[in-house]
């Protein structure tokens, strides 16, 4: 399907409700300090795969 390039669209409107909820959860996690660094993530993943 070819979209009309003269008609701007908001990508948010094309997301499913589940996708929107995942994004909102991620934003809330970040705002409330529930994050880890990339290094922490990869180190934990590596440790899990070694056990």
PDB file of N, CA and C in Angstrom:
ATOM      1  N   UNK A   1       0.839  -1.172   0.000  1.00  0.00           N
ATOM      2  CA  UNK A   1       0.000   0.000   0.000  1.00  0.00           C
ATOM      3  C   UNK A   1       0.888   1.241   0.000  1.00  0.00           C
ATOM      4  N   UNK A   2       0.599   2.153  -0.858  1.00  0.00           N
ATOM      5  CA  UNK A   2       1.350   3.407  -0.942  1.00  0.00           C
ATOM      6  C   UNK A   2       0.575   4.472  -0.186  1.00  0.00           C
ATOM      7  N   UNK A   3       1.269   5.119   0.763  1.00  0.00           N
ATOM      8  CA  UNK A   3       0.620   6.172   1.531  1.00  0.00           C
ATOM      9  C   UNK A   3       0.775   7.509   0.826  1.00  0.00           C
ATOM     10  N   UNK A   4      -0.162   8.378   1.060  1.00  0.00           N
ATOM     11  CA  UNK A   4      -0.108   9.723   0.509  1.00  0.00           C
ATOM     12  C   UNK A   4       0.956  10.501   1.281  1.00  0.00           C
ATOM     13  N   UNK A   5       2.055  10.873   0.611  1.00  0.00           N
ATOM     14  CA  UNK A   5       3.150  11.566   1.294  1.00  0.00           C
ATOM     15  C   UNK A   5       2.777  12.986   1.696  1.00  0.00           C
ATOM     16  N   UNK A   6       1.704  13.510   1.161  1.00  0.00           N
ATOM     17  CA  UNK A   6       1.256  14.850   1.528  1.00  0.00           C
ATOM     18  C   UNK A   6       0.420  14.847   2.805  1.00  0.00           C
ATOM     19  N   UNK A   7       0.087  13.677   3.299  1.00  0.00           N
ATOM     20  CA  UNK A   7      -0.747  13.556   4.478  1.00  0.00           C
ATOM     21  C   UNK A   7       0.115  13.022   5.630  1.00  0.00           C
ATOM     22  N   UNK A   8       0.526  13.921   6.547  1.00  0.00           N
ATOM     23  CA  UNK A   8       1.380  13.447   7.649  1.00  0.00           C
ATOM     24  C   UNK A   8       0.631  12.470   8.553  1.00  0.00           C
ATOM     25  N   UNK A   9       1.339  11.452   9.007  1.00  0.00           N
ATOM     26  CA  UNK A   9       0.743  10.481   9.910  1.00  0.00           C
ATOM     27  C   UNK A   9       1.566  10.429  11.187  1.00  0.00           C
ATOM     28  N   UNK A  10       0.904  10.120  12.256  1.00  0.00           N
ATOM     29  CA  UNK A  10       1.555   9.971  13.548  1.00  0.00           C
ATOM     30  C   UNK A  10       1.807   8.484  13.762  1.00  0.00           C
ATOM     31  N   UNK A  11       3.062   8.085  13.848  1.00  0.00           N
ATOM     32  CA  UNK A  11       3.392   6.667  13.972  1.00  0.00           C
ATOM     33  C   UNK A  11       2.734   6.043  15.197  1.00  0.00           C
ATOM     34  N   UNK A  12       2.493   6.819  16.241  1.00  0.00           N
ATOM     35  CA  UNK A  12       1.855   6.302  17.460  1.00  0.00           C
ATOM     36  C   UNK A  12       0.479   5.707  17.142  1.00  0.00           C
ATOM     37  N   UNK A  13      -0.222   6.346  16.227  1.00  0.00           N
ATOM     38  CA  UNK A  13      -1.565   5.881  15.882  1.00  0.00           C
ATOM     39  C   UNK A  13      -1.546   4.535  15.167  1.00  0.00           C
ATOM     40  N   UNK A  14      -0.411   4.143  14.630  1.00  0.00           N
ATOM     41  CA  UNK A  14      -0.302   2.868  13.920  1.00  0.00           C
ATOM     42  C   UNK A  14       0.113   1.711  14.824  1.00  0.00           C
ATOM     43  N   UNK A  15       0.389   2.014  16.096  1.00  0.00           N
ATOM     44  CA  UNK A  15       0.795   0.968  17.032  1.00  0.00           C
ATOM     45  C   UNK A  15      -0.420   0.268  17.629  1.00  0.00           C
ATOM     46  N   UNK A  16      -0.222  -0.995  17.997  1.00  0.00           N
ATOM     47  CA  UNK A  16      -1.287  -1.717  18.693  1.00  0.00           C
ATOM     48  C   UNK A  16      -1.344  -1.221  20.142  1.00  0.00           C
ATOM     49  N   UNK A  17      -2.432  -1.527  20.818  1.00  0.00           N
ATOM     50  CA  UNK A  17      -2.548  -1.134  22.228  1.00  0.00           C
ATOM     51  C   UNK A  17      -1.457  -1.794  23.062  1.00  0.00           C
ATOM     52  N   UNK A  18      -1.105  -3.036  22.747  1.00  0.00           N
ATOM     53  CA  UNK A  18      -0.040  -3.731  23.477  1.00  0.00           C
ATOM     54  C   UNK A  18       1.299  -3.011  23.289  1.00  0.00           C
ATOM     55  N   UNK A  19       1.587  -2.576  22.067  1.00  0.00           N
ATOM     56  CA  UNK A  19       2.837  -1.858  21.799  1.00  0.00           C
ATOM     57  C   UNK A  19       2.873  -0.533  22.558  1.00  0.00           C
ATOM     58  N   UNK A  20       1.748   0.176  22.573  1.00  0.00           N
ATOM     59  CA  UNK A  20       1.674   1.442  23.303  1.00  0.00           C
ATOM     60  C   UNK A  20       1.906   1.207  24.796  1.00  0.00           C
ATOM     61  N   UNK A  21       1.316   0.141  25.333  1.00  0.00           N
ATOM     62  CA  UNK A  21       1.478  -0.170  26.755  1.00  0.00           C
ATOM     63  C   UNK A  21       2.933  -0.482  27.088  1.00  0.00           C
ATOM     64  N   UNK A  22       3.613  -1.225  26.217  1.00  0.00           N
ATOM     65  CA  UNK A  22       5.032  -1.536  26.437  1.00  0.00           C
ATOM     66  C   UNK A  22       5.868  -0.252  26.469  1.00  0.00           C
ATOM     67  N   UNK A  23       5.580   0.658  25.586  1.00  0.00           N
ATOM     68  CA  UNK A  23       6.314   1.929  25.547  1.00  0.00           C
ATOM     69  C   UNK A  23       6.040   2.726  26.820  1.00  0.00           C
ATOM     70  N   UNK A  24       4.776   2.807  27.222  1.00  0.00           N
ATOM     71  CA  UNK A  24       4.421   3.549  28.431  1.00  0.00           C
ATOM     72  C   UNK A  24       5.076   2.932  29.660  1.00  0.00           C
ATOM     73  N   UNK A  25       5.135   1.608  29.720  1.00  0.00           N
ATOM     74  CA  UNK A  25       5.793   0.924  30.836  1.00  0.00           C
ATOM     75  C   UNK A  25       7.278   1.257  30.860  1.00  0.00           C
ATOM     76  N   UNK A  26       7.914   1.262  29.703  1.00  0.00           N
ATOM     77  CA  UNK A  26       9.334   1.609  29.620  1.00  0.00           C
ATOM     78  C   UNK A  26       9.604   3.032  30.073  1.00  0.00           C
ATOM     79  N   UNK A  27       8.733   3.947  29.693  1.00  0.00           N
ATOM     80  CA  UNK A  27       8.885   5.343  30.111  1.00  0.00           C
ATOM     81  C   UNK A  27       8.744   5.442  31.629  1.00  0.00           C
ATOM     82  N   UNK A  28       7.748   4.762  32.185  1.00  0.00           N
ATOM     83  CA  UNK A  28       7.546   4.784  33.639  1.00  0.00           C
ATOM     84  C   UNK A  28       8.738   4.161  34.355  1.00  0.00           C
ATOM     85  N   UNK A  29       9.270   3.077  33.826  1.00  0.00           N
ATOM     86  CA  UNK A  29      10.457   2.450  34.420  1.00  0.00           C
ATOM     87  C   UNK A  29      11.612   3.434  34.482  1.00  0.00           C
ATOM     88  N   UNK A  30      11.852   4.133  33.400  1.00  0.00           N
ATOM     89  CA  UNK A  30      12.963   5.092  33.361  1.00  0.00           C
ATOM     90  C   UNK A  30      12.716   6.238  34.328  1.00  0.00           C
ATOM     91  N   UNK A  31      11.514   6.743  34.360  1.00  0.00           N
ATOM     92  CA  UNK A  31      11.191   7.866  35.237  1.00  0.00           C
ATOM     93  C   UNK A  31      11.313   7.502  36.714  1.00  0.00           C
ATOM     94  N   UNK A  32      11.146   6.217  37.046  1.00  0.00           N
ATOM     95  CA  UNK A  32      11.203   5.767  38.425  1.00  0.00           C
ATOM     96  C   UNK A  32      12.509   5.064  38.773  1.00  0.00           C
ATOM     97  N   UNK A  33      13.511   5.216  37.907  1.00  0.00           N
ATOM     98  CA  UNK A  33      14.838   4.685  38.197  1.00  0.00           C
ATOM     99  C   UNK A  33      14.971   3.180  38.073  1.00  0.00           C
ATOM    100  N   UNK A  34      14.029   2.542  37.422  1.00  0.00           N
ATOM    101  CA  UNK A  34      14.097   1.091  37.243  1.00  0.00           C
ATOM    102  C   UNK A  34      14.829   0.773  35.942  1.00  0.00           C
ATOM    103  N   UNK A  35      16.120   1.094  35.932  1.00  0.00           N
ATOM    104  CA  UNK A  35      16.942   0.858  34.737  1.00  0.00           C
ATOM    105  C   UNK A  35      18.274   0.254  35.156  1.00  0.00           C
ATOM    106  N   UNK A  36      18.944  -0.349  34.198  1.00  0.00           N
ATOM    107  CA  UNK A  36      20.316  -0.822  34.394  1.00  0.00           C
ATOM    108  C   UNK A  36      21.117  -0.387  33.177  1.00  0.00           C
ATOM    109  N   UNK A  37      22.415  -0.362  33.349  1.00  0.00           N
ATOM    110  CA  UNK A  37      23.272   0.024  32.234  1.00  0.00           C
ATOM    111  C   UNK A  37      23.346  -1.116  31.213  1.00  0.00           C
ATOM    112  N   UNK A  38      23.788  -0.780  30.034  1.00  0.00           N
ATOM    113  CA  UNK A  38      23.963  -1.788  28.992  1.00  0.00           C
ATOM    114  C   UNK A  38      24.969  -2.840  29.450  1.00  0.00           C
ATOM    115  N   UNK A  39      26.037  -2.388  30.099  1.00  0.00           N
ATOM    116  CA  UNK A  39      27.057  -3.324  30.583  1.00  0.00           C
ATOM    117  C   UNK A  39      26.468  -4.306  31.593  1.00  0.00           C
ATOM    118  N   UNK A  40      25.656  -3.792  32.529  1.00  0.00           N
ATOM    119  CA  UNK A  40      25.014  -4.675  33.502  1.00  0.00           C
ATOM    120  C   UNK A  40      24.136  -5.704  32.811  1.00  0.00           C
ATOM    121  N   UNK A  41      23.370  -5.268  31.816  1.00  0.00           N
ATOM    122  CA  UNK A  41      22.488  -6.163  31.078  1.00  0.00           C
ATOM    123  C   UNK A  41      23.283  -7.299  30.429  1.00  0.00           C
ATOM    124  N   UNK A  42      24.331  -6.936  29.686  1.00  0.00           N
ATOM    125  CA  UNK A  42      25.109  -7.938  28.967  1.00  0.00           C
ATOM    126  C   UNK A  42      25.862  -8.849  29.927  1.00  0.00           C
ATOM    127  N   UNK A  43      26.360  -8.308  31.030  1.00  0.00           N
ATOM    128  CA  UNK A  43      27.040  -9.141  32.023  1.00  0.00           C
ATOM    129  C   UNK A  43      26.079 -10.165  32.621  1.00  0.00           C
ATOM    130  N   UNK A  44      24.860  -9.744  32.962  1.00  0.00           N
ATOM    131  CA  UNK A  44      23.868 -10.673  33.511  1.00  0.00           C
ATOM    132  C   UNK A  44      23.485 -11.731  32.485  1.00  0.00           C
ATOM    133  N   UNK A  45      23.311 -11.324  31.242  1.00  0.00           N
ATOM    134  CA  UNK A  45      22.958 -12.280  30.192  1.00  0.00           C
ATOM    135  C   UNK A  45      24.083 -13.296  29.996  1.00  0.00           C
ATOM    136  N   UNK A  46      25.312 -12.803  30.009  1.00  0.00           N
ATOM    137  CA  UNK A  46      26.461 -13.699  29.853  1.00  0.00           C
ATOM    138  C   UNK A  46      26.514 -14.693  31.007  1.00  0.00           C
ATOM    139  N   UNK A  47      26.310 -14.211  32.230  1.00  0.00           N
ATOM    140  CA  UNK A  47      26.320 -15.086  33.401  1.00  0.00           C
ATOM    141  C   UNK A  47      25.242 -16.147  33.314  1.00  0.00           C
ATOM    142  N   UNK A  48      24.055 -15.788  32.840  1.00  0.00           N
ATOM    143  CA  UNK A  48      22.957 -16.744  32.713  1.00  0.00           C
ATOM    144  C   UNK A  48      23.289 -17.835  31.703  1.00  0.00           C
ATOM    145  N   UNK A  49      23.945 -17.460  30.627  1.00  0.00           N
ATOM    146  CA  UNK A  49      24.273 -18.420  29.583  1.00  0.00           C
ATOM    147  C   UNK A  49      25.418 -19.338  29.970  1.00  0.00           C
ATOM    148  N   UNK A  50      26.225 -18.916  30.935  1.00  0.00           N
ATOM    149  CA  UNK A  50      27.349 -19.748  31.375  1.00  0.00           C
ATOM    150  C   UNK A  50      26.919 -20.783  32.403  1.00  0.00           C
ATOM    151  N   UNK A  51      25.772 -20.588  33.032  1.00  0.00           N
ATOM    152  CA  UNK A  51      25.306 -21.516  34.079  1.00  0.00           C
ATOM    153  C   UNK A  51      24.410 -22.571  33.526  1.00  0.00           C
TER     154      UNK A  51
END
